Amino acid sequence: HEDKKVRKIMAELRSFLNETPQLYPESEVCFR
């Protein structure tokens, strides 16, 4: 629940989800 840490991984998750829309609903995309 630390702001800086959460913002860092949120940016990573956001990038991954934007790059892999065609993979939904595979498990990794749903987990992310």
Full PDB file with SEQRES, HELIX, SHEET, SSBOND, CRYST1, ORIGX, SCALE, CONECT and MASTER records, all heavy atoms in Angstrom:
SEQRES   1 A   32  HIS GLU ASP LYS LYS VAL ARG LYS ILE MET ALA GLU LEU          
SEQRES   2 A   32  ARG SER PHE LEU ASN GLU THR PRO GLN LEU TYR PRO GLU          
SEQRES   3 A   32  SER GLU VAL CYS PHE ARG                                      
HELIX    1 AA1 ASP A    3  GLU A   19  1                                  17    
HELIX    2 AA2 PRO A   21  LEU A   23  5                                   3    
HELIX    3 AA3 SER A   27  PHE A   31  1                                   5    
CRYST1    1.000    1.000    1.000  90.00  90.00  90.00 P 1           1          
ORIGX1      1.000000  0.000000  0.000000        0.00000                         
ORIGX2      0.000000  1.000000  0.000000        0.00000                         
ORIGX3      0.000000  0.000000  1.000000        0.00000                         
SCALE1      1.000000  0.000000  0.000000        0.00000                         
SCALE2      0.000000  1.000000  0.000000        0.00000                         
SCALE3      0.000000  0.000000  1.000000        0.00000                         
ATOM      1  N   HIS A   1       0.822  -1.218   0.000  1.00  0.00           N  
ATOM      2  CA  HIS A   1       0.000   0.000   0.000  1.00  0.00           C  
ATOM      3  C   HIS A   1       0.856   1.267   0.000  1.00  0.00           C  
ATOM      4  O   HIS A   1       0.445   2.311   0.510  1.00  0.00           O  
ATOM      5  CB  HIS A   1      -0.971   0.016   1.185  1.00  0.00           C  
ATOM      6  CG  HIS A   1      -2.352  -0.418   0.805  1.00  0.00           C  
ATOM      7  ND1 HIS A   1      -3.460   0.377   0.918  1.00  0.00           N  
ATOM      8  CD2 HIS A   1      -2.797  -1.569   0.260  1.00  0.00           C  
ATOM      9  CE1 HIS A   1      -4.522  -0.259   0.493  1.00  0.00           C  
ATOM     10  NE2 HIS A   1      -4.149  -1.445   0.093  1.00  0.00           N  
ATOM     11  N   GLU A   2       2.045   1.166  -0.569  1.00  0.00           N  
ATOM     12  CA  GLU A   2       2.930   2.322  -0.685  1.00  0.00           C  
ATOM     13  C   GLU A   2       2.761   2.939  -2.068  1.00  0.00           C  
ATOM     14  O   GLU A   2       2.933   2.265  -3.091  1.00  0.00           O  
ATOM     15  CB  GLU A   2       4.377   1.912  -0.445  1.00  0.00           C  
ATOM     16  CG  GLU A   2       4.634   1.436   0.981  1.00  0.00           C  
ATOM     17  CD  GLU A   2       6.089   1.066   1.205  1.00  0.00           C  
ATOM     18  OE1 GLU A   2       6.957   1.597   0.466  1.00  0.00           O  
ATOM     19  OE2 GLU A   2       6.358   0.246   2.092  1.00  0.00           O  
ATOM     20  N   ASP A   3       2.456   4.224  -2.086  1.00  0.00           N  
ATOM     21  CA  ASP A   3       2.084   4.922  -3.314  1.00  0.00           C  
ATOM     22  C   ASP A   3       3.108   4.736  -4.438  1.00  0.00           C  
ATOM     23  O   ASP A   3       2.754   4.371  -5.564  1.00  0.00           O  
ATOM     24  CB  ASP A   3       1.898   6.413  -3.004  1.00  0.00           C  
ATOM     25  CG  ASP A   3       1.309   7.176  -4.159  1.00  0.00           C  
ATOM     26  OD1 ASP A   3       2.074   7.624  -5.031  1.00  0.00           O  
ATOM     27  OD2 ASP A   3       0.080   7.329  -4.185  1.00  0.00           O  
ATOM     28  N   LYS A   4       4.370   4.970  -4.157  1.00  0.00           N  
ATOM     29  CA  LYS A   4       5.389   4.910  -5.202  1.00  0.00           C  
ATOM     30  C   LYS A   4       5.524   3.508  -5.785  1.00  0.00           C  
ATOM     31  O   LYS A   4       5.654   3.327  -7.002  1.00  0.00           O  
ATOM     32  CB  LYS A   4       6.738   5.384  -4.649  1.00  0.00           C  
ATOM     33  CG  LYS A   4       6.783   6.872  -4.345  1.00  0.00           C  
ATOM     34  CD  LYS A   4       8.165   7.292  -3.854  1.00  0.00           C  
ATOM     35  CE  LYS A   4       8.203   8.791  -3.554  1.00  0.00           C  
ATOM     36  NZ  LYS A   4       9.551   9.215  -3.059  1.00  0.00           N  
ATOM     37  N   LYS A   5       5.518   2.499  -4.930  1.00  0.00           N  
ATOM     38  CA  LYS A   5       5.646   1.124  -5.393  1.00  0.00           C  
ATOM     39  C   LYS A   5       4.450   0.727  -6.251  1.00  0.00           C  
ATOM     40  O   LYS A   5       4.601   0.087  -7.302  1.00  0.00           O  
ATOM     41  CB  LYS A   5       5.767   0.177  -4.198  1.00  0.00           C  
ATOM     42  CG  LYS A   5       7.050   0.314  -3.406  1.00  0.00           C  
ATOM     43  CD  LYS A   5       7.089  -0.669  -2.261  1.00  0.00           C  
ATOM     44  CE  LYS A   5       8.393  -0.538  -1.462  1.00  0.00           C  
ATOM     45  NZ  LYS A   5       8.420  -1.492  -0.317  1.00  0.00           N  
ATOM     46  N   VAL A   6       3.257   1.116  -5.796  1.00  0.00           N  
ATOM     47  CA  VAL A   6       2.046   0.744  -6.525  1.00  0.00           C  
ATOM     48  C   VAL A   6       1.991   1.448  -7.882  1.00  0.00           C  
ATOM     49  O   VAL A   6       1.609   0.848  -8.890  1.00  0.00           O  
ATOM     50  CB  VAL A   6       0.792   1.059  -5.684  1.00  0.00           C  
ATOM     51  CG1 VAL A   6      -0.475   0.804  -6.492  1.00  0.00           C  
ATOM     52  CG2 VAL A   6       0.782   0.210  -4.418  1.00  0.00           C  
ATOM     53  N   ARG A   7       2.399   2.706  -7.927  1.00  0.00           N  
ATOM     54  CA  ARG A   7       2.397   3.431  -9.204  1.00  0.00           C  
ATOM     55  C   ARG A   7       3.380   2.792 -10.190  1.00  0.00           C  
ATOM     56  O   ARG A   7       3.123   2.750 -11.395  1.00  0.00           O  
ATOM     57  CB  ARG A   7       2.745   4.900  -8.982  1.00  0.00           C  
ATOM     58  CG  ARG A   7       1.622   5.694  -8.339  1.00  0.00           C  
ATOM     59  CD  ARG A   7       1.926   7.183  -8.298  1.00  0.00           C  
ATOM     60  NE  ARG A   7       0.875   7.894  -7.581  1.00  0.00           N  
ATOM     61  CZ  ARG A   7      -0.281   8.245  -8.119  1.00  0.00           C  
ATOM     62  NH1 ARG A   7      -0.518   7.974  -9.395  1.00  0.00           N  
ATOM     63  NH2 ARG A   7      -1.186   8.875  -7.415  1.00  0.00           N  
ATOM     64  N   LYS A   8       4.478   2.311  -9.675  1.00  0.00           N  
ATOM     65  CA  LYS A   8       5.479   1.689 -10.547  1.00  0.00           C  
ATOM     66  C   LYS A   8       4.927   0.434 -11.218  1.00  0.00           C  
ATOM     67  O   LYS A   8       5.031   0.268 -12.443  1.00  0.00           O  
ATOM     68  CB  LYS A   8       6.733   1.354  -9.741  1.00  0.00           C  
ATOM     69  CG  LYS A   8       7.845   0.692 -10.561  1.00  0.00           C  
ATOM     70  CD  LYS A   8       9.059   0.428  -9.685  1.00  0.00           C  
ATOM     71  CE  LYS A   8      10.203  -0.190 -10.477  1.00  0.00           C  
ATOM     72  NZ  LYS A   8       9.850  -1.534 -10.999  1.00  0.00           N  
ATOM     73  N   ILE A   9       4.336  -0.447 -10.417  1.00  0.00           N  
ATOM     74  CA  ILE A   9       3.826  -1.678 -11.026  1.00  0.00           C  
ATOM     75  C   ILE A   9       2.558  -1.412 -11.828  1.00  0.00           C  
ATOM     76  O   ILE A   9       2.268  -2.124 -12.789  1.00  0.00           O  
ATOM     77  CB  ILE A   9       3.578  -2.776  -9.970  1.00  0.00           C  
ATOM     78  CG1 ILE A   9       2.431  -2.389  -9.037  1.00  0.00           C  
ATOM     79  CG2 ILE A   9       4.822  -3.085  -9.200  1.00  0.00           C  
ATOM     80  CD1 ILE A   9       1.897  -3.581  -8.267  1.00  0.00           C  
ATOM     81  N   MET A  10       1.784  -0.372 -11.454  1.00  0.00           N  
ATOM     82  CA  MET A  10       0.600  -0.040 -12.238  1.00  0.00           C  
ATOM     83  C   MET A  10       0.990   0.331 -13.666  1.00  0.00           C  
ATOM     84  O   MET A  10       0.317  -0.046 -14.630  1.00  0.00           O  
ATOM     85  CB  MET A  10      -0.184   1.110 -11.601  1.00  0.00           C  
ATOM     86  CG  MET A  10      -1.478   1.439 -12.345  1.00  0.00           C  
ATOM     87  SD  MET A  10      -2.466   2.734 -11.569  1.00  0.00           S  
ATOM     88  CE  MET A  10      -1.474   4.160 -11.968  1.00  0.00           C  
ATOM     89  N   ALA A  11       2.104   1.060 -13.803  1.00  0.00           N  
ATOM     90  CA  ALA A  11       2.582   1.431 -15.139  1.00  0.00           C  
ATOM     91  C   ALA A  11       2.974   0.183 -15.933  1.00  0.00           C  
ATOM     92  O   ALA A  11       2.690   0.078 -17.135  1.00  0.00           O  
ATOM     93  CB  ALA A  11       3.767   2.377 -15.018  1.00  0.00           C  
ATOM     94  N   GLU A  12       3.596  -0.790 -15.274  1.00  0.00           N  
ATOM     95  CA  GLU A  12       3.973  -2.039 -15.942  1.00  0.00           C  
ATOM     96  C   GLU A  12       2.731  -2.817 -16.370  1.00  0.00           C  
ATOM     97  O   GLU A  12       2.660  -3.336 -17.495  1.00  0.00           O  
ATOM     98  CB  GLU A  12       4.830  -2.890 -15.010  1.00  0.00           C  
ATOM     99  CG  GLU A  12       6.174  -2.271 -14.638  1.00  0.00           C  
ATOM    100  CD  GLU A  12       6.946  -3.137 -13.660  1.00  0.00           C  
ATOM    101  OE1 GLU A  12       6.531  -4.300 -13.445  1.00  0.00           O  
ATOM    102  OE2 GLU A  12       7.957  -2.658 -13.099  1.00  0.00           O  
ATOM    103  N   LEU A  13       1.767  -2.910 -15.473  1.00  0.00           N  
ATOM    104  CA  LEU A  13       0.537  -3.649 -15.777  1.00  0.00           C  
ATOM    105  C   LEU A  13      -0.241  -2.976 -16.905  1.00  0.00           C  
ATOM    106  O   LEU A  13      -0.763  -3.649 -17.803  1.00  0.00           O  
ATOM    107  CB  LEU A  13      -0.330  -3.734 -14.516  1.00  0.00           C  
ATOM    108  CG  LEU A  13       0.229  -4.584 -13.376  1.00  0.00           C  
ATOM    109  CD1 LEU A  13      -0.527  -4.309 -12.085  1.00  0.00           C  
ATOM    110  CD2 LEU A  13       0.157  -6.068 -13.729  1.00  0.00           C  
ATOM    111  N   ARG A  14      -0.296  -1.662 -16.866  1.00  0.00           N  
ATOM    112  CA  ARG A  14      -1.006  -0.908 -17.897  1.00  0.00           C  
ATOM    113  C   ARG A  14      -0.377  -1.159 -19.262  1.00  0.00           C  
ATOM    114  O   ARG A  14      -1.081  -1.388 -20.253  1.00  0.00           O  
ATOM    115  CB  ARG A  14      -0.966   0.585 -17.547  1.00  0.00           C  
ATOM    116  CG  ARG A  14      -1.643   1.493 -18.539  1.00  0.00           C  
ATOM    117  CD  ARG A  14      -1.615   2.921 -18.036  1.00  0.00           C  
ATOM    118  NE  ARG A  14      -2.267   3.835 -18.944  1.00  0.00           N  
ATOM    119  CZ  ARG A  14      -2.475   5.120 -18.696  1.00  0.00           C  
ATOM    120  NH1 ARG A  14      -2.068   5.639 -17.551  1.00  0.00           N  
ATOM    121  NH2 ARG A  14      -3.087   5.886 -19.584  1.00  0.00           N  
ATOM    122  N   SER A  15       0.947  -1.127 -19.336  1.00  0.00           N  
ATOM    123  CA  SER A  15       1.652  -1.359 -20.596  1.00  0.00           C  
ATOM    124  C   SER A  15       1.381  -2.770 -21.117  1.00  0.00           C  
ATOM    125  O   SER A  15       1.098  -2.965 -22.309  1.00  0.00           O  
ATOM    126  CB  SER A  15       3.148  -1.145 -20.399  1.00  0.00           C  
ATOM    127  OG  SER A  15       3.857  -1.421 -21.583  1.00  0.00           O  
ATOM    128  N   PHE A  16       1.429  -3.748 -20.234  1.00  0.00           N  
ATOM    129  CA  PHE A  16       1.187  -5.144 -20.637  1.00  0.00           C  
ATOM    130  C   PHE A  16      -0.221  -5.315 -21.193  1.00  0.00           C  
ATOM    131  O   PHE A  16      -0.418  -5.941 -22.251  1.00  0.00           O  
ATOM    132  CB  PHE A  16       1.402  -6.068 -19.442  1.00  0.00           C  
ATOM    133  CG  PHE A  16       1.046  -7.503 -19.717  1.00  0.00           C  
ATOM    134  CD1 PHE A  16       1.946  -8.344 -20.337  1.00  0.00           C  
ATOM    135  CD2 PHE A  16      -0.198  -7.998 -19.361  1.00  0.00           C  
ATOM    136  CE1 PHE A  16       1.615  -9.676 -20.597  1.00  0.00           C  
ATOM    137  CE2 PHE A  16      -0.547  -9.315 -19.622  1.00  0.00           C  
ATOM    138  CZ  PHE A  16       0.361 -10.160 -20.238  1.00  0.00           C  
ATOM    139  N   LEU A  17      -1.214  -4.767 -20.509  1.00  0.00           N  
ATOM    140  CA  LEU A  17      -2.606  -4.932 -20.936  1.00  0.00           C  
ATOM    141  C   LEU A  17      -2.882  -4.221 -22.256  1.00  0.00           C  
ATOM    142  O   LEU A  17      -3.693  -4.691 -23.069  1.00  0.00           O  
ATOM    143  CB  LEU A  17      -3.548  -4.424 -19.844  1.00  0.00           C  
ATOM    144  CG  LEU A  17      -3.554  -5.240 -18.541  1.00  0.00           C  
ATOM    145  CD1 LEU A  17      -4.361  -4.520 -17.460  1.00  0.00           C  
ATOM    146  CD2 LEU A  17      -4.134  -6.643 -18.784  1.00  0.00           C  
ATOM    147  N   ASN A  18      -2.227  -3.096 -22.474  1.00  0.00           N  
ATOM    148  CA  ASN A  18      -2.413  -2.377 -23.745  1.00  0.00           C  
ATOM    149  C   ASN A  18      -1.774  -3.117 -24.922  1.00  0.00           C  
ATOM    150  O   ASN A  18      -2.212  -2.967 -26.065  1.00  0.00           O  
ATOM    151  CB  ASN A  18      -1.826  -0.967 -23.642  1.00  0.00           C  
ATOM    152  CG  ASN A  18      -2.795   0.014 -23.004  1.00  0.00           C  
ATOM    153  OD1 ASN A  18      -3.994  -0.001 -23.294  1.00  0.00           O  
ATOM    154  ND2 ASN A  18      -2.287   0.856 -22.118  1.00  0.00           N  
ATOM    155  N   GLU A  19      -0.760  -3.911 -24.632  1.00  0.00           N  
ATOM    156  CA  GLU A  19      -0.039  -4.611 -25.699  1.00  0.00           C  
ATOM    157  C   GLU A  19      -0.598  -6.000 -26.004  1.00  0.00           C  
ATOM    158  O   GLU A  19      -0.231  -6.606 -27.016  1.00  0.00           O  
ATOM    159  CB  GLU A  19       1.437  -4.740 -25.311  1.00  0.00           C  
ATOM    160  CG  GLU A  19       2.182  -3.408 -25.258  1.00  0.00           C  
ATOM    161  CD  GLU A  19       3.572  -3.545 -24.666  1.00  0.00           C  
ATOM    162  OE1 GLU A  19       3.930  -4.688 -24.290  1.00  0.00           O  
ATOM    163  OE2 GLU A  19       4.282  -2.529 -24.563  1.00  0.00           O  
ATOM    164  N   THR A  20      -1.486  -6.516 -25.136  1.00  0.00           N  
ATOM    165  CA  THR A  20      -1.949  -7.896 -25.303  1.00  0.00           C  
ATOM    166  C   THR A  20      -3.474  -8.051 -25.329  1.00  0.00           C  
ATOM    167  O   THR A  20      -4.008  -9.022 -24.790  1.00  0.00           O  
ATOM    168  CB  THR A  20      -1.384  -8.772 -24.166  1.00  0.00           C  
ATOM    169  OG1 THR A  20      -1.804  -8.205 -22.898  1.00  0.00           O  
ATOM    170  CG2 THR A  20       0.120  -8.855 -24.224  1.00  0.00           C  
ATOM    171  N   PRO A  21      -4.220  -7.118 -25.938  1.00  0.00           N  
ATOM    172  CA  PRO A  21      -5.681  -7.248 -25.904  1.00  0.00           C  
ATOM    173  C   PRO A  21      -6.184  -8.496 -26.616  1.00  0.00           C  
ATOM    174  O   PRO A  21      -7.220  -9.058 -26.248  1.00  0.00           O  
ATOM    175  CB  PRO A  21      -6.158  -5.982 -26.626  1.00  0.00           C  
ATOM    176  CG  PRO A  21      -5.025  -5.603 -27.515  1.00  0.00           C  
ATOM    177  CD  PRO A  21      -3.794  -5.961 -26.738  1.00  0.00           C  
ATOM    178  N   GLN A  22      -5.446  -8.951 -27.623  1.00  0.00           N  
ATOM    179  CA  GLN A  22      -5.881 -10.102 -28.408  1.00  0.00           C  
ATOM    180  C   GLN A  22      -5.775 -11.409 -27.626  1.00  0.00           C  
ATOM    181  O   GLN A  22      -6.353 -12.432 -28.024  1.00  0.00           O  
ATOM    182  CB  GLN A  22      -5.051 -10.196 -29.704  1.00  0.00           C  
ATOM    183  CG  GLN A  22      -3.616 -10.650 -29.520  1.00  0.00           C  
ATOM    184  CD  GLN A  22      -2.698  -9.537 -29.026  1.00  0.00           C  
ATOM    185  OE1 GLN A  22      -3.137  -8.394 -28.831  1.00  0.00           O  
ATOM    186  NE2 GLN A  22      -1.426  -9.864 -28.824  1.00  0.00           N  
ATOM    187  N   LEU A  23      -5.046 -11.400 -26.516  1.00  0.00           N  
ATOM    188  CA  LEU A  23      -4.861 -12.614 -25.726  1.00  0.00           C  
ATOM    189  C   LEU A  23      -5.994 -12.853 -24.724  1.00  0.00           C  
ATOM    190  O   LEU A  23      -6.082 -13.937 -24.133  1.00  0.00           O  
ATOM    191  CB  LEU A  23      -3.521 -12.566 -24.990  1.00  0.00           C  
ATOM    192  CG  LEU A  23      -2.263 -12.490 -25.861  1.00  0.00           C  
ATOM    193  CD1 LEU A  23      -1.023 -12.481 -24.977  1.00  0.00           C  
ATOM    194  CD2 LEU A  23      -2.223 -13.655 -26.848  1.00  0.00           C  
ATOM    195  N   TYR A  24      -6.834 -11.848 -24.481  1.00  0.00           N  
ATOM    196  CA  TYR A  24      -7.930 -12.014 -23.517  1.00  0.00           C  
ATOM    197  C   TYR A  24      -8.884 -13.088 -24.032  1.00  0.00           C  
ATOM    198  O   TYR A  24      -9.200 -13.111 -25.219  1.00  0.00           O  
ATOM    199  CB  TYR A  24      -8.676 -10.681 -23.361  1.00  0.00           C  
ATOM    200  CG  TYR A  24      -9.587 -10.632 -22.157  1.00  0.00           C  
ATOM    201  CD1 TYR A  24      -9.126 -10.163 -20.944  1.00  0.00           C  
ATOM    202  CD2 TYR A  24     -10.890 -11.084 -22.230  1.00  0.00           C  
ATOM    203  CE1 TYR A  24      -9.955 -10.128 -19.825  1.00  0.00           C  
ATOM    204  CE2 TYR A  24     -11.724 -11.057 -21.130  1.00  0.00           C  
ATOM    205  CZ  TYR A  24     -11.253 -10.584 -19.929  1.00  0.00           C  
ATOM    206  OH  TYR A  24     -12.071 -10.557 -18.825  1.00  0.00           O  
ATOM    207  N   PRO A  25      -9.349 -14.042 -23.200  1.00  0.00           N  
ATOM    208  CA  PRO A  25      -9.220 -14.109 -21.744  1.00  0.00           C  
ATOM    209  C   PRO A  25      -8.204 -15.150 -21.264  1.00  0.00           C  
ATOM    210  O   PRO A  25      -8.536 -15.937 -20.361  1.00  0.00           O  
ATOM    211  CB  PRO A  25     -10.627 -14.501 -21.339  1.00  0.00           C  
ATOM    212  CG  PRO A  25     -11.039 -15.481 -22.434  1.00  0.00           C  
ATOM    213  CD  PRO A  25     -10.377 -14.996 -23.682  1.00  0.00           C  
ATOM    214  N   GLU A  26      -7.014 -15.163 -21.808  1.00  0.00           N  
ATOM    215  CA  GLU A  26      -6.003 -16.075 -21.291  1.00  0.00           C  
ATOM    216  C   GLU A  26      -5.674 -15.715 -19.847  1.00  0.00           C  
ATOM    217  O   GLU A  26      -5.821 -14.572 -19.422  1.00  0.00           O  
ATOM    218  CB  GLU A  26      -4.742 -16.018 -22.162  1.00  0.00           C  
ATOM    219  CG  GLU A  26      -4.940 -16.624 -23.546  1.00  0.00           C  
ATOM    220  CD  GLU A  26      -3.657 -16.661 -24.347  1.00  0.00           C  
ATOM    221  OE1 GLU A  26      -2.586 -16.321 -23.782  1.00  0.00           O  
ATOM    222  OE2 GLU A  26      -3.721 -17.019 -25.545  1.00  0.00           O  
ATOM    223  N   SER A  27      -5.201 -16.715 -19.097  1.00  0.00           N  
ATOM    224  CA  SER A  27      -5.034 -16.558 -17.651  1.00  0.00           C  
ATOM    225  C   SER A  27      -4.123 -15.395 -17.275  1.00  0.00           C  
ATOM    226  O   SER A  27      -4.446 -14.608 -16.379  1.00  0.00           O  
ATOM    227  CB  SER A  27      -4.492 -17.860 -17.050  1.00  0.00           C  
ATOM    228  OG  SER A  27      -3.263 -18.218 -17.650  1.00  0.00           O  
ATOM    229  N   GLU A  28      -2.980 -15.251 -17.967  1.00  0.00           N  
ATOM    230  CA  GLU A  28      -2.039 -14.202 -17.581  1.00  0.00           C  
ATOM    231  C   GLU A  28      -2.661 -12.823 -17.750  1.00  0.00           C  
ATOM    232  O   GLU A  28      -2.469 -11.940 -16.902  1.00  0.00           O  
ATOM    233  CB  GLU A  28      -0.758 -14.296 -18.411  1.00  0.00           C  
ATOM    234  CG  GLU A  28       0.311 -13.302 -17.946  1.00  0.00           C  
ATOM    235  CD  GLU A  28       1.604 -13.411 -18.727  1.00  0.00           C  
ATOM    236  OE1 GLU A  28       1.656 -14.198 -19.690  1.00  0.00           O  
ATOM    237  OE2 GLU A  28       2.558 -12.694 -18.368  1.00  0.00           O  
ATOM    238  N   VAL A  29      -3.429 -12.615 -18.827  1.00  0.00           N  
ATOM    239  CA  VAL A  29      -4.063 -11.316 -19.054  1.00  0.00           C  
ATOM    240  C   VAL A  29      -5.120 -11.045 -17.986  1.00  0.00           C  
ATOM    241  O   VAL A  29      -5.214  -9.937 -17.450  1.00  0.00           O  
ATOM    242  CB  VAL A  29      -4.702 -11.255 -20.463  1.00  0.00           C  
ATOM    243  CG1 VAL A  29      -5.365  -9.891 -20.687  1.00  0.00           C  
ATOM    244  CG2 VAL A  29      -3.661 -11.520 -21.530  1.00  0.00           C  
ATOM    245  N   CYS A  30      -5.903 -12.057 -17.654  1.00  0.00           N  
ATOM    246  CA  CYS A  30      -6.931 -11.890 -16.618  1.00  0.00           C  
ATOM    247  C   CYS A  30      -6.299 -11.596 -15.262  1.00  0.00           C  
ATOM    248  O   CYS A  30      -6.789 -10.755 -14.501  1.00  0.00           O  
ATOM    249  CB  CYS A  30      -7.807 -13.135 -16.540  1.00  0.00           C  
ATOM    250  SG  CYS A  30      -8.913 -13.365 -17.948  1.00  0.00           S  
ATOM    251  N   PHE A  31      -5.196 -12.295 -14.937  1.00  0.00           N  
ATOM    252  CA  PHE A  31      -4.515 -12.052 -13.665  1.00  0.00           C  
ATOM    253  C   PHE A  31      -3.978 -10.620 -13.612  1.00  0.00           C  
ATOM    254  O   PHE A  31      -4.120  -9.925 -12.601  1.00  0.00           O  
ATOM    255  CB  PHE A  31      -3.362 -13.042 -13.482  1.00  0.00           C  
ATOM    256  CG  PHE A  31      -3.803 -14.463 -13.297  1.00  0.00           C  
ATOM    257  CD1 PHE A  31      -2.968 -15.515 -13.649  1.00  0.00           C  
ATOM    258  CD2 PHE A  31      -5.045 -14.755 -12.778  1.00  0.00           C  
ATOM    259  CE1 PHE A  31      -3.369 -16.833 -13.484  1.00  0.00           C  
ATOM    260  CE2 PHE A  31      -5.465 -16.064 -12.608  1.00  0.00           C  
ATOM    261  CZ  PHE A  31      -4.621 -17.111 -12.971  1.00  0.00           C  
ATOM    262  N   ARG A  32      -3.353 -10.187 -14.707  1.00  0.00           N  
ATOM    263  CA  ARG A  32      -2.788  -8.831 -14.732  1.00  0.00           C  
ATOM    264  C   ARG A  32      -3.897  -7.772 -14.644  1.00  0.00           C  
ATOM    265  O   ARG A  32      -3.698  -6.712 -14.061  1.00  0.00           O  
ATOM    266  CB  ARG A  32      -1.971  -8.619 -16.009  1.00  0.00           C  
ATOM    267  CG  ARG A  32      -0.753  -9.488 -16.207  1.00  0.00           C  
ATOM    268  CD  ARG A  32       0.343  -9.248 -15.163  1.00  0.00           C  
ATOM    269  NE  ARG A  32       0.201 -10.115 -14.014  1.00  0.00           N  
ATOM    270  CZ  ARG A  32       0.682 -11.351 -13.928  1.00  0.00           C  
ATOM    271  NH1 ARG A  32       1.332 -11.872 -14.933  1.00  0.00           N  
ATOM    272  NH2 ARG A  32       0.518 -12.054 -12.826  1.00  0.00           N  
TER     273      ARG A  32                                                      
MASTER        0    0    0    3    0    0    0    6  272    1    0    3          
END                                                                             
